[in-house]
N, C-alpha and C. Protein backbone atom coordinates (compact mmCIF):
# COMPACT_ATOMS: atom_id res chain seq x y z
N UNK A 1 -0.59 -6.57 -20.07
CA UNK A 1 -1.22 -6.59 -19.33
C UNK A 1 -1.31 -5.04 -18.61
N UNK A 2 -2.43 -5.12 -18.06
CA UNK A 2 -2.05 -3.55 -17.89
C UNK A 2 -2.05 -3.41 -16.36
N UNK A 3 -1.17 -2.24 -15.75
CA UNK A 3 -1.16 -1.67 -14.30
C UNK A 3 -0.89 -0.77 -14.06
N UNK A 4 -1.00 0.01 -13.02
CA UNK A 4 -0.53 1.09 -12.50
C UNK A 4 0.24 1.56 -11.20
N UNK A 5 0.90 2.32 -10.67
CA UNK A 5 1.19 2.54 -10.35
C UNK A 5 0.80 3.75 -8.71
N UNK A 6 0.77 3.40 -7.81
CA UNK A 6 -0.10 4.46 -7.01
C UNK A 6 0.19 4.83 -5.82
N UNK A 7 0.39 5.54 -5.35
CA UNK A 7 1.02 6.43 -3.93
C UNK A 7 -0.21 6.23 -2.85
N UNK A 8 0.64 5.47 -1.77
CA UNK A 8 -0.26 5.10 -0.64
C UNK A 8 0.31 4.90 0.31
N UNK A 9 -0.18 5.57 1.57
CA UNK A 9 0.86 5.60 2.68
C UNK A 9 2.19 5.36 2.43
N UNK A 10 2.78 7.14 1.73
CA UNK A 10 3.52 7.47 1.61
C UNK A 10 4.37 6.53 0.94
N UNK A 11 3.89 5.65 0.41
CA UNK A 11 5.16 4.91 -0.93
C UNK A 11 4.48 4.72 -2.18
N UNK A 12 5.24 4.16 -3.48
CA UNK A 12 4.59 3.81 -4.70
C UNK A 12 4.59 2.49 -4.51
N UNK A 13 3.34 2.00 -5.02
CA UNK A 13 3.24 0.84 -5.25
C UNK A 13 2.67 0.15 -6.99
N UNK A 14 2.82 -0.90 -7.22
CA UNK A 14 2.91 -1.28 -8.60
C UNK A 14 1.58 -2.23 -8.75
N UNK A 15 0.25 -2.06 -8.74
CA UNK A 15 -0.93 -2.90 -8.80
C UNK A 15 -1.46 -3.08 -10.11
N UNK A 16 -2.09 -4.40 -10.03
CA UNK A 16 -2.35 -5.02 -11.04
C UNK A 16 -3.78 -6.17 -10.89
N UNK A 17 -5.08 -5.73 -11.40
CA UNK A 17 -6.28 -6.33 -11.09
C UNK A 17 -5.91 -7.89 -10.86
N UNK A 18 -6.90 -7.83 -9.30
CA UNK A 18 -6.92 -9.51 -8.70
C UNK A 18 -5.51 -9.73 -8.10
N UNK A 19 -4.65 -8.81 -7.98
CA UNK A 19 -3.78 -8.77 -6.50
C UNK A 19 -3.88 -8.29 -5.53
N UNK A 20 -2.94 -9.13 -4.27
CA UNK A 20 -3.52 -8.11 -2.95
C UNK A 20 -1.83 -7.61 -2.62
N UNK A 21 -2.14 -6.55 -2.11
CA UNK A 21 -1.10 -6.02 -1.33
C UNK A 21 -1.74 -5.42 0.02
N UNK A 22 -0.45 -5.31 0.46
CA UNK A 22 -0.35 -4.54 2.21
C UNK A 22 0.06 -2.93 2.42
N UNK A 23 -1.06 -2.15 2.55
CA UNK A 23 -0.26 -0.92 2.80
C UNK A 23 -0.18 -0.91 4.25
N UNK A 24 -0.15 0.66 4.77
CA UNK A 24 -0.29 1.26 5.77
C UNK A 24 -1.85 0.93 6.49
N UNK A 25 -1.86 0.87 7.50
CA UNK A 25 -3.22 0.69 8.08
C UNK A 25 -4.10 1.95 7.87
N UNK A 26 -5.41 1.72 7.03
CA UNK A 26 -6.24 2.31 7.07
C UNK A 26 -7.64 2.23 8.13
N UNK A 27 -8.15 3.38 8.24
CA UNK A 27 -9.63 3.11 9.41
C UNK A 27 -10.88 3.13 8.51
N UNK A 28 -10.57 1.73 8.04
CA UNK A 28 -11.76 1.47 7.28
C UNK A 28 -12.08 -0.65 7.82
N UNK A 29 -13.35 -0.84 7.82
CA UNK A 29 -13.30 -1.89 8.27
C UNK A 29 -13.70 -3.25 6.96
N UNK A 30 -13.52 -4.35 7.52
CA UNK A 30 -12.93 -5.29 6.31
C UNK A 30 -14.13 -5.93 5.32
N UNK A 31 -13.88 -5.71 4.51
CA UNK A 31 -15.16 -5.92 3.15
C UNK A 31 -15.34 -4.38 2.93
N UNK A 32 -14.90 -3.58 2.87
CA UNK A 32 -15.61 -2.28 2.54
C UNK A 32 -14.28 -2.31 1.20
N UNK A 33 -14.91 -0.95 0.52
CA UNK A 33 -14.92 -0.87 -0.61
C UNK A 33 -13.67 0.51 0.00
N UNK A 34 -12.33 0.64 -1.25
CA UNK A 34 -11.55 1.39 -1.21
C UNK A 34 -11.50 2.21 -2.47
N UNK A 35 -10.68 3.48 -3.06
CA UNK A 35 -10.60 3.97 -4.14
C UNK A 35 -9.69 4.88 -3.75
N UNK A 36 -8.74 4.54 -4.86
CA UNK A 36 -7.03 5.39 -4.94
C UNK A 36 -7.14 5.99 -5.99
N UNK A 37 -7.29 7.35 -6.07
CA UNK A 37 -7.44 8.29 -6.97
C UNK A 37 -5.94 8.66 -7.60
N UNK A 38 -4.86 8.61 -6.28
CA UNK A 38 -3.75 9.04 -6.51
C UNK A 38 -2.98 8.07 -7.62
N UNK A 39 -2.71 8.33 -8.77
CA UNK A 39 -2.23 6.99 -9.43
C UNK A 39 -1.29 7.84 -10.78
N UNK A 40 -0.26 7.51 -9.95
CA UNK A 40 0.86 8.53 -10.72
C UNK A 40 1.67 8.06 -12.24
N UNK A 41 1.23 6.26 -12.45
CA UNK A 41 1.57 5.62 -13.95
C UNK A 41 0.44 5.29 -14.76
N UNK A 42 -0.24 4.70 -15.20
CA UNK A 42 -0.96 3.70 -16.03
C UNK A 42 -0.33 3.19 -17.11
N UNK A 43 -0.44 2.13 -17.19
CA UNK A 43 0.25 1.35 -18.89
C UNK A 43 -1.03 0.17 -18.84
N UNK A 44 -1.27 0.66 -20.43
CA UNK A 44 -2.39 -0.82 -20.65
C UNK A 44 -1.98 -1.73 -21.70
N UNK A 45 -0.49 -1.65 -21.78
CA UNK A 45 -0.36 -2.95 -22.35
C UNK A 45 0.16 -2.59 -23.62
N UNK A 46 0.13 -1.50 -24.32
CA UNK A 46 0.13 -0.61 -25.91
C UNK A 46 0.84 0.88 -25.37
N UNK A 47 0.05 2.01 -24.54
CA UNK A 47 0.72 2.88 -24.49
C UNK A 47 0.81 3.11 -22.85
N UNK A 48 1.61 4.37 -22.48
CA UNK A 48 2.16 4.91 -20.98
C UNK A 48 1.07 6.11 -20.42
N UNK A 49 0.89 6.56 -19.33
CA UNK A 49 0.23 7.49 -19.24
C UNK A 49 1.11 8.06 -17.99
N UNK A 50 1.79 9.16 -18.04
CA UNK A 50 2.31 9.38 -16.52
C UNK A 50 1.91 10.95 -16.11
N UNK A 51 1.27 10.67 -14.85
CA UNK A 51 1.02 11.92 -14.17
C UNK A 51 1.57 12.86 -14.36
N UNK A 52 1.32 14.49 -13.54
CA UNK A 52 1.98 15.62 -13.38
C UNK A 52 1.15 16.19 -12.45
N UNK A 53 1.27 15.70 -11.24
CA UNK A 53 1.60 14.53 -10.57
C UNK A 53 0.72 13.44 -10.53
N UNK A 54 -0.58 13.55 -10.62
CA UNK A 54 -1.39 12.65 -11.15
C UNK A 54 -2.04 12.51 -12.70
N UNK A 55 -2.26 11.15 -12.42
CA UNK A 55 -2.98 10.99 -14.43
C UNK A 55 -4.57 11.20 -13.91
N UNK A 56 -5.02 12.09 -14.84
CA UNK A 56 -6.29 12.70 -14.41
C UNK A 56 -7.57 11.23 -15.10
N UNK A 57 -8.69 11.11 -14.37
CA UNK A 57 -9.66 10.06 -15.08
C UNK A 57 -9.18 8.12 -14.91
N UNK A 58 -8.18 8.59 -13.73
CA UNK A 58 -7.98 6.69 -13.76
C UNK A 58 -7.87 7.23 -12.19
N UNK A 59 -8.92 5.99 -11.63
CA UNK A 59 -8.57 5.46 -10.16
C UNK A 59 -8.61 4.26 -10.36
N UNK A 60 -8.15 3.42 -8.66
CA UNK A 60 -7.98 1.86 -8.68
C UNK A 60 -8.88 1.83 -7.40
N UNK A 61 -9.91 0.80 -7.90
CA UNK A 61 -11.15 -0.02 -6.83
C UNK A 61 -10.28 -1.14 -6.40
N UNK A 62 -10.83 -1.09 -4.83
CA UNK A 62 -10.47 -2.29 -4.09
C UNK A 62 -11.36 -2.75 -2.93
N UNK A 63 -11.15 -4.02 -2.07
CA UNK A 63 -11.58 -4.47 -1.36
C UNK A 63 -10.40 -4.95 -0.08
N UNK A 64 -11.03 -3.85 1.51
CA UNK A 64 -10.40 -4.53 2.31
C UNK A 64 -10.24 -6.21 2.49
N UNK A 65 -9.39 -6.94 2.27
CA UNK A 65 -9.74 -8.55 2.90
C UNK A 65 -9.26 -8.67 4.36
N UNK A 66 -8.35 -8.07 5.19
CA UNK A 66 -7.58 -8.22 6.52
C UNK A 66 -6.86 -6.66 6.84
N UNK A 67 -7.23 -6.32 8.36
CA UNK A 67 -6.36 -5.93 9.17
C UNK A 67 -5.73 -6.58 9.96
N UNK A 68 -4.56 -6.55 10.10
CA UNK A 68 -3.80 -7.01 11.38
C UNK A 68 -2.50 -6.21 11.75
N UNK A 69 -1.45 -7.26 12.04
CA UNK A 69 -0.09 -6.77 12.56
C UNK A 69 0.82 -7.53 11.59
N UNK A 70 1.87 -6.85 11.94
CA UNK A 70 3.05 -7.68 10.83
C UNK A 70 3.94 -8.02 12.10
N UNK A 71 4.80 -8.88 10.94
CA UNK A 71 6.17 -9.61 12.72
C UNK A 71 6.85 -8.70 13.29
N UNK A 72 6.99 -9.42 14.04
CA UNK A 72 7.82 -8.40 15.43
C UNK A 72 9.10 -7.93 15.14
N UNK A 73 9.27 -6.92 15.18
CA UNK A 73 10.56 -6.36 14.85
C UNK A 73 11.17 -6.21 16.40
N UNK A 74 12.48 -6.70 16.85
CA UNK A 74 12.47 -6.60 18.13
C UNK A 74 14.26 -5.35 18.32
N UNK A 75 14.13 -4.59 18.64
CA UNK A 75 15.07 -3.40 18.94
C UNK A 75 15.98 -3.35 20.34
N UNK A 76 17.42 -3.88 20.01
CA UNK A 76 17.81 -3.98 21.58
C UNK A 76 18.88 -2.63 21.44
N UNK A 77 18.94 -1.88 22.59
CA UNK A 77 19.72 -1.11 23.12
C UNK A 77 21.00 -2.19 23.58
N UNK A 78 22.43 -1.66 23.70
CA UNK A 78 23.66 -1.94 24.37
C UNK A 78 24.55 -1.31 24.66
N UNK A 79 25.11 -0.55 26.09
CA UNK A 79 26.61 -0.20 25.89
C UNK A 79 27.48 -0.79 26.66
N UNK A 80 28.19 -1.50 26.35
CA UNK A 80 29.71 -2.08 27.01
C UNK A 80 30.03 -1.44 28.03
N UNK A 81 30.04 -2.11 29.19
CA UNK A 81 30.60 -1.42 30.21
C UNK A 81 30.05 -0.80 31.22
N UNK A 82 28.79 -0.43 31.28
CA UNK A 82 27.97 0.34 32.05
C UNK A 82 26.63 -0.63 32.37
N UNK A 83 26.50 -1.78 31.69
CA UNK A 83 25.16 -2.85 32.69
C UNK A 83 24.27 -1.57 32.08
N UNK A 84 24.01 -0.79 30.92
CA UNK A 84 23.09 -0.29 29.96
C UNK A 84 22.53 -1.22 28.89
N UNK A 85 21.27 -2.33 29.31
CA UNK A 85 20.57 -3.04 28.39
C UNK A 85 18.82 -2.76 28.09
N UNK A 86 18.16 -2.46 27.16
CA UNK A 86 17.06 -2.48 26.70
C UNK A 86 16.48 -3.28 25.61
N UNK A 87 15.38 -3.58 25.56
CA UNK A 87 14.78 -4.52 24.47
C UNK A 87 13.68 -4.22 24.52
N UNK A 88 13.03 -3.59 23.51
CA UNK A 88 11.86 -3.66 23.13
C UNK A 88 11.30 -3.66 21.80
N UNK A 89 10.08 -4.25 21.26
CA UNK A 89 9.23 -4.64 20.76
C UNK A 89 8.30 -4.42 19.78
N UNK A 90 8.37 -4.14 17.92
CA UNK A 90 7.01 -2.97 17.87
C UNK A 90 6.67 -3.85 16.93
N UNK A 91 5.41 -3.83 16.46
CA UNK A 91 4.52 -4.83 15.24
C UNK A 91 3.40 -3.53 14.49
N UNK A 92 3.98 -3.58 13.42
CA UNK A 92 3.29 -2.44 12.70
C UNK A 92 2.56 -3.01 11.99
N UNK A 93 0.80 -2.29 12.20
CA UNK A 93 0.06 -2.34 11.54
C UNK A 93 -0.40 -2.22 10.12
N UNK A 94 -1.16 -3.20 9.68
CA UNK A 94 -1.30 -2.87 8.26
C UNK A 94 -2.78 -3.94 8.05
N UNK A 95 -3.20 -2.89 6.72
CA UNK A 95 -4.27 -3.33 5.77
C UNK A 95 -4.39 -3.96 4.93
N UNK A 96 -4.73 -5.06 4.30
CA UNK A 96 -4.55 -5.82 2.64
C UNK A 96 -5.73 -5.95 2.08
N UNK A 97 -5.02 -5.03 0.70
CA UNK A 97 -6.69 -4.38 -0.18
C UNK A 97 -6.01 -5.66 -1.60
N UNK A 98 -7.38 -5.75 -1.54
CA UNK A 98 -7.22 -6.83 -2.81
C UNK A 98 -7.60 -5.83 -4.45
N UNK A 99 -7.03 -5.63 -5.43
CA UNK A 99 -7.31 -4.55 -6.12
C UNK A 99 -8.18 -5.56 -7.20
N UNK A 100 -9.48 -4.77 -7.11
CA UNK A 100 -10.58 -5.39 -7.95
C UNK A 100 -10.29 -4.66 -9.43
N UNK A 101 -10.20 -3.14 -9.86
CA UNK A 101 -10.30 -2.91 -10.99
C UNK A 101 -9.47 -1.80 -11.32
N UNK A 102 -9.03 -1.36 -12.26
CA UNK A 102 -8.34 -0.13 -12.74
C UNK A 102 -9.66 1.16 -13.31
N UNK A 103 -9.88 1.84 -13.10
CA UNK A 103 -11.04 2.47 -13.88
C UNK A 103 -10.41 3.88 -14.70
N UNK A 104 -10.52 3.42 -15.94
CA UNK A 104 -10.13 4.46 -16.74
C UNK A 104 -11.31 5.23 -17.54
N UNK A 105 -11.84 6.45 -17.18
CA UNK A 105 -12.90 7.36 -17.71
C UNK A 105 -12.41 8.29 -18.37
N UNK A 106 -12.94 8.33 -19.84
CA UNK A 106 -12.38 9.61 -20.71
C UNK A 106 -12.86 10.66 -21.01
C-alpha cells in the first residue's frame, strides 16, 4: 500500500489514494482540483523516499469535496471573587479534500 506524508496548513498529514482528509481552509471552490507538491516522504510498499526537505518529482492531487466549519469550541474566562465571567465561542473553518492520485514522475 503506497502512501505519502505531505505538509499542508502547517501540519504533516499521511495520505493514501481514495481517502479524504480535513485541512486548513483553502480559498478554492468545491469540486476544484488541488495539487500538493510539498511531499516529505513517499512509500510505495517496497522502498521509502525521504525528502530533503521535499521529495523531487512526487506530487499528490485531490478534489475539494466540502468547505465548512468544525464543531464549536467554547472558551470560558472566570476570576473568582470579582464577578468576572466571559464566554466566547469559535468555529474553525476547514476544507475537506479527497485524495485521488499520488503522482511519481521520474
